[in-house]
């Protein structure tokens, strides 16, 4: 079976904002910041915005990123 054309695929986000990570996990923004501080969630700083790596959120939830979304880019090696 072939992959659907690129225009028909839904791409998973690479990063999400802290508020979105809080909604996805059902945790408070304060708890998300605590997890960031402890290193349990990875972030990227873009200007003044702190973006949470989507893979990191999935890992926190115990989800296999490949099983959840086959269109996520490969993990950093």
N, C-alpha and C. Protein backbone atom coordinates (compact mmCIF):
# COMPACT_ATOMS: atom_id res chain seq x y z
N UNK A 1 0.85 -1.18 0.00
CA UNK A 1 0.00 0.00 0.00
C UNK A 1 0.89 1.24 0.00
N UNK A 2 0.60 2.19 -0.84
CA UNK A 2 1.42 3.38 -0.94
C UNK A 2 0.93 4.46 0.03
N UNK A 3 1.83 5.39 0.31
CA UNK A 3 1.47 6.51 1.19
C UNK A 3 0.56 7.47 0.46
N UNK A 4 -0.33 8.14 1.19
CA UNK A 4 -1.17 9.15 0.53
C UNK A 4 -0.30 10.31 0.06
N UNK A 5 -0.75 11.05 -0.95
CA UNK A 5 0.02 12.21 -1.41
C UNK A 5 0.25 13.19 -0.27
N UNK A 6 1.33 13.92 -0.35
CA UNK A 6 1.71 14.85 0.72
C UNK A 6 0.58 15.83 1.06
N UNK A 7 -0.17 16.26 0.07
CA UNK A 7 -1.23 17.24 0.34
C UNK A 7 -2.39 16.64 1.14
N UNK A 8 -2.50 15.30 1.15
CA UNK A 8 -3.58 14.63 1.87
C UNK A 8 -3.18 14.18 3.27
N UNK A 9 -1.90 14.28 3.58
CA UNK A 9 -1.43 13.84 4.90
C UNK A 9 -1.58 14.96 5.91
N UNK A 10 -1.96 14.60 7.12
CA UNK A 10 -1.97 15.55 8.23
C UNK A 10 -0.63 15.42 8.93
N UNK A 11 0.10 16.50 9.02
CA UNK A 11 1.40 16.49 9.67
C UNK A 11 1.25 16.80 11.15
N UNK A 12 1.95 16.06 11.97
CA UNK A 12 1.95 16.32 13.40
C UNK A 12 2.84 17.53 13.67
N UNK A 13 2.54 18.27 14.71
CA UNK A 13 3.40 19.42 15.02
C UNK A 13 4.76 18.96 15.51
N UNK A 14 5.77 19.75 15.25
CA UNK A 14 7.10 19.47 15.78
C UNK A 14 7.20 20.06 17.18
N UNK A 15 6.62 21.23 17.36
CA UNK A 15 6.59 21.88 18.67
C UNK A 15 5.19 22.43 18.93
N UNK A 16 4.90 22.63 20.21
CA UNK A 16 3.65 23.26 20.63
C UNK A 16 3.97 24.28 21.72
N UNK A 17 3.10 25.22 21.90
CA UNK A 17 3.28 26.19 22.98
C UNK A 17 2.98 25.53 24.33
N UNK A 18 3.43 26.16 25.39
CA UNK A 18 3.26 25.61 26.74
C UNK A 18 1.77 25.40 27.04
N UNK A 19 0.94 26.36 26.69
CA UNK A 19 -0.50 26.24 26.95
C UNK A 19 -1.10 25.03 26.23
N UNK A 20 -0.65 24.77 25.00
CA UNK A 20 -1.13 23.62 24.25
C UNK A 20 -0.66 22.32 24.89
N UNK A 21 0.59 22.29 25.33
CA UNK A 21 1.12 21.11 26.03
C UNK A 21 0.30 20.84 27.29
N UNK A 22 -0.11 21.89 27.97
CA UNK A 22 -0.94 21.74 29.17
C UNK A 22 -2.30 21.14 28.81
N UNK A 23 -2.89 21.59 27.72
CA UNK A 23 -4.18 21.04 27.29
C UNK A 23 -4.05 19.58 26.87
N UNK A 24 -2.99 19.25 26.13
CA UNK A 24 -2.79 17.88 25.66
C UNK A 24 -2.64 16.92 26.83
N UNK A 25 -1.92 17.33 27.85
CA UNK A 25 -1.61 16.45 28.98
C UNK A 25 -2.61 16.57 30.13
N UNK A 26 -3.47 17.56 30.09
CA UNK A 26 -4.40 17.86 31.19
C UNK A 26 -3.67 18.24 32.47
N UNK A 27 -2.48 18.81 32.31
CA UNK A 27 -1.72 19.33 33.44
C UNK A 27 -1.80 20.85 33.42
N UNK A 28 -1.51 21.47 34.55
CA UNK A 28 -1.52 22.93 34.61
C UNK A 28 -0.27 23.47 33.92
N UNK A 29 -0.33 24.73 33.52
CA UNK A 29 0.84 25.37 32.93
C UNK A 29 1.99 25.38 33.92
N UNK A 30 1.67 25.59 35.20
CA UNK A 30 2.71 25.60 36.24
C UNK A 30 3.43 24.26 36.29
N UNK A 31 2.66 23.17 36.21
CA UNK A 31 3.27 21.83 36.25
C UNK A 31 4.12 21.59 35.00
N UNK A 32 3.67 22.08 33.85
CA UNK A 32 4.46 21.95 32.62
C UNK A 32 5.79 22.67 32.80
N UNK A 33 5.77 23.88 33.36
CA UNK A 33 7.02 24.61 33.60
C UNK A 33 7.92 23.87 34.59
N UNK A 34 7.34 23.22 35.59
CA UNK A 34 8.13 22.42 36.53
C UNK A 34 8.80 21.26 35.80
N UNK A 35 8.06 20.60 34.91
CA UNK A 35 8.62 19.49 34.14
C UNK A 35 9.71 19.96 33.18
N UNK A 36 9.55 21.16 32.64
CA UNK A 36 10.59 21.74 31.80
C UNK A 36 11.84 22.00 32.62
N UNK A 37 11.66 22.59 33.80
CA UNK A 37 12.79 22.91 34.69
C UNK A 37 13.53 21.65 35.10
N UNK A 38 12.81 20.55 35.33
CA UNK A 38 13.44 19.30 35.77
C UNK A 38 14.05 18.52 34.60
N UNK A 39 13.77 18.95 33.36
CA UNK A 39 14.32 18.28 32.20
C UNK A 39 13.47 17.14 31.67
N UNK A 40 12.28 16.94 32.23
CA UNK A 40 11.39 15.88 31.76
C UNK A 40 10.72 16.22 30.43
N UNK A 41 10.64 17.51 30.12
CA UNK A 41 10.08 17.97 28.85
C UNK A 41 11.13 18.84 28.18
N UNK A 42 11.39 18.58 26.90
CA UNK A 42 12.37 19.35 26.14
C UNK A 42 11.70 20.56 25.48
N UNK A 43 12.44 21.65 25.44
CA UNK A 43 11.91 22.87 24.81
C UNK A 43 12.92 23.44 23.83
N UNK A 44 12.41 24.36 23.03
CA UNK A 44 13.23 25.13 22.10
C UNK A 44 12.82 26.58 22.31
N UNK A 45 13.80 27.46 22.40
CA UNK A 45 13.51 28.88 22.56
C UNK A 45 13.62 29.55 21.19
N UNK A 46 12.55 30.22 20.78
CA UNK A 46 12.54 30.96 19.52
C UNK A 46 12.16 32.39 19.86
N UNK A 47 13.16 33.25 19.84
CA UNK A 47 12.93 34.62 20.30
C UNK A 47 12.55 34.58 21.78
N UNK A 48 11.40 35.14 22.11
CA UNK A 48 10.92 35.10 23.49
C UNK A 48 9.99 33.93 23.75
N UNK A 49 9.60 33.23 22.70
CA UNK A 49 8.66 32.12 22.84
C UNK A 49 9.38 30.84 23.24
N UNK A 50 8.80 30.13 24.22
CA UNK A 50 9.30 28.82 24.60
C UNK A 50 8.37 27.79 23.98
N UNK A 51 8.93 26.94 23.13
CA UNK A 51 8.15 25.91 22.45
C UNK A 51 8.53 24.55 23.01
N UNK A 52 7.53 23.71 23.23
CA UNK A 52 7.73 22.37 23.77
C UNK A 52 7.79 21.39 22.62
N UNK A 53 8.79 20.51 22.63
CA UNK A 53 8.89 19.49 21.58
C UNK A 53 7.74 18.50 21.75
N UNK A 54 6.99 18.31 20.67
CA UNK A 54 5.81 17.44 20.69
C UNK A 54 6.18 16.01 21.07
N UNK A 55 7.32 15.53 20.56
CA UNK A 55 7.78 14.18 20.92
C UNK A 55 7.98 14.05 22.43
N UNK A 56 8.45 15.12 23.05
CA UNK A 56 8.68 15.12 24.49
C UNK A 56 7.36 14.98 25.25
N UNK A 57 6.32 15.64 24.75
CA UNK A 57 5.00 15.52 25.37
C UNK A 57 4.48 14.09 25.24
N UNK A 58 4.64 13.52 24.05
CA UNK A 58 4.19 12.14 23.84
C UNK A 58 4.97 11.18 24.73
N UNK A 59 6.27 11.40 24.87
CA UNK A 59 7.08 10.54 25.74
C UNK A 59 6.63 10.66 27.19
N UNK A 60 6.28 11.85 27.61
CA UNK A 60 5.79 12.06 28.97
C UNK A 60 4.52 11.25 29.21
N UNK A 61 3.68 11.17 28.19
CA UNK A 61 2.43 10.43 28.30
C UNK A 61 2.61 8.92 28.10
N UNK A 62 3.86 8.52 27.78
CA UNK A 62 4.12 7.10 27.56
C UNK A 62 3.66 6.60 26.21
N UNK A 63 3.53 7.51 25.26
CA UNK A 63 3.09 7.15 23.91
C UNK A 63 4.29 6.95 23.02
N UNK A 64 4.21 5.99 22.12
CA UNK A 64 5.22 5.79 21.10
C UNK A 64 4.89 6.74 19.96
N UNK A 65 5.76 7.69 19.70
CA UNK A 65 5.48 8.72 18.70
C UNK A 65 5.22 8.12 17.32
N UNK A 66 5.95 7.09 16.95
CA UNK A 66 5.74 6.46 15.64
C UNK A 66 4.38 5.81 15.53
N UNK A 67 3.93 5.20 16.61
CA UNK A 67 2.62 4.55 16.60
C UNK A 67 1.49 5.58 16.61
N UNK A 68 1.73 6.69 17.30
CA UNK A 68 0.71 7.73 17.39
C UNK A 68 0.57 8.46 16.07
N UNK A 69 1.69 8.83 15.45
CA UNK A 69 1.65 9.57 14.21
C UNK A 69 2.82 9.17 13.33
N UNK A 70 2.56 8.39 12.29
CA UNK A 70 3.65 7.93 11.43
C UNK A 70 4.31 9.03 10.62
N UNK A 71 3.73 10.22 10.61
CA UNK A 71 4.29 11.32 9.82
C UNK A 71 5.18 12.25 10.62
N UNK A 72 5.44 11.93 11.89
CA UNK A 72 6.39 12.72 12.66
C UNK A 72 7.78 12.52 12.06
N UNK A 73 8.61 13.56 12.09
CA UNK A 73 9.96 13.38 11.59
C UNK A 73 10.74 12.41 12.48
N UNK A 74 11.79 11.78 11.95
CA UNK A 74 12.57 10.84 12.76
C UNK A 74 13.17 11.52 13.98
N UNK A 75 13.35 10.76 15.05
CA UNK A 75 13.93 11.31 16.29
C UNK A 75 15.37 11.70 16.05
N UNK A 76 15.82 12.68 16.83
CA UNK A 76 17.23 13.10 16.76
C UNK A 76 18.12 11.94 17.17
N UNK A 77 19.22 11.79 16.48
CA UNK A 77 20.13 10.68 16.80
C UNK A 77 21.43 11.19 17.28
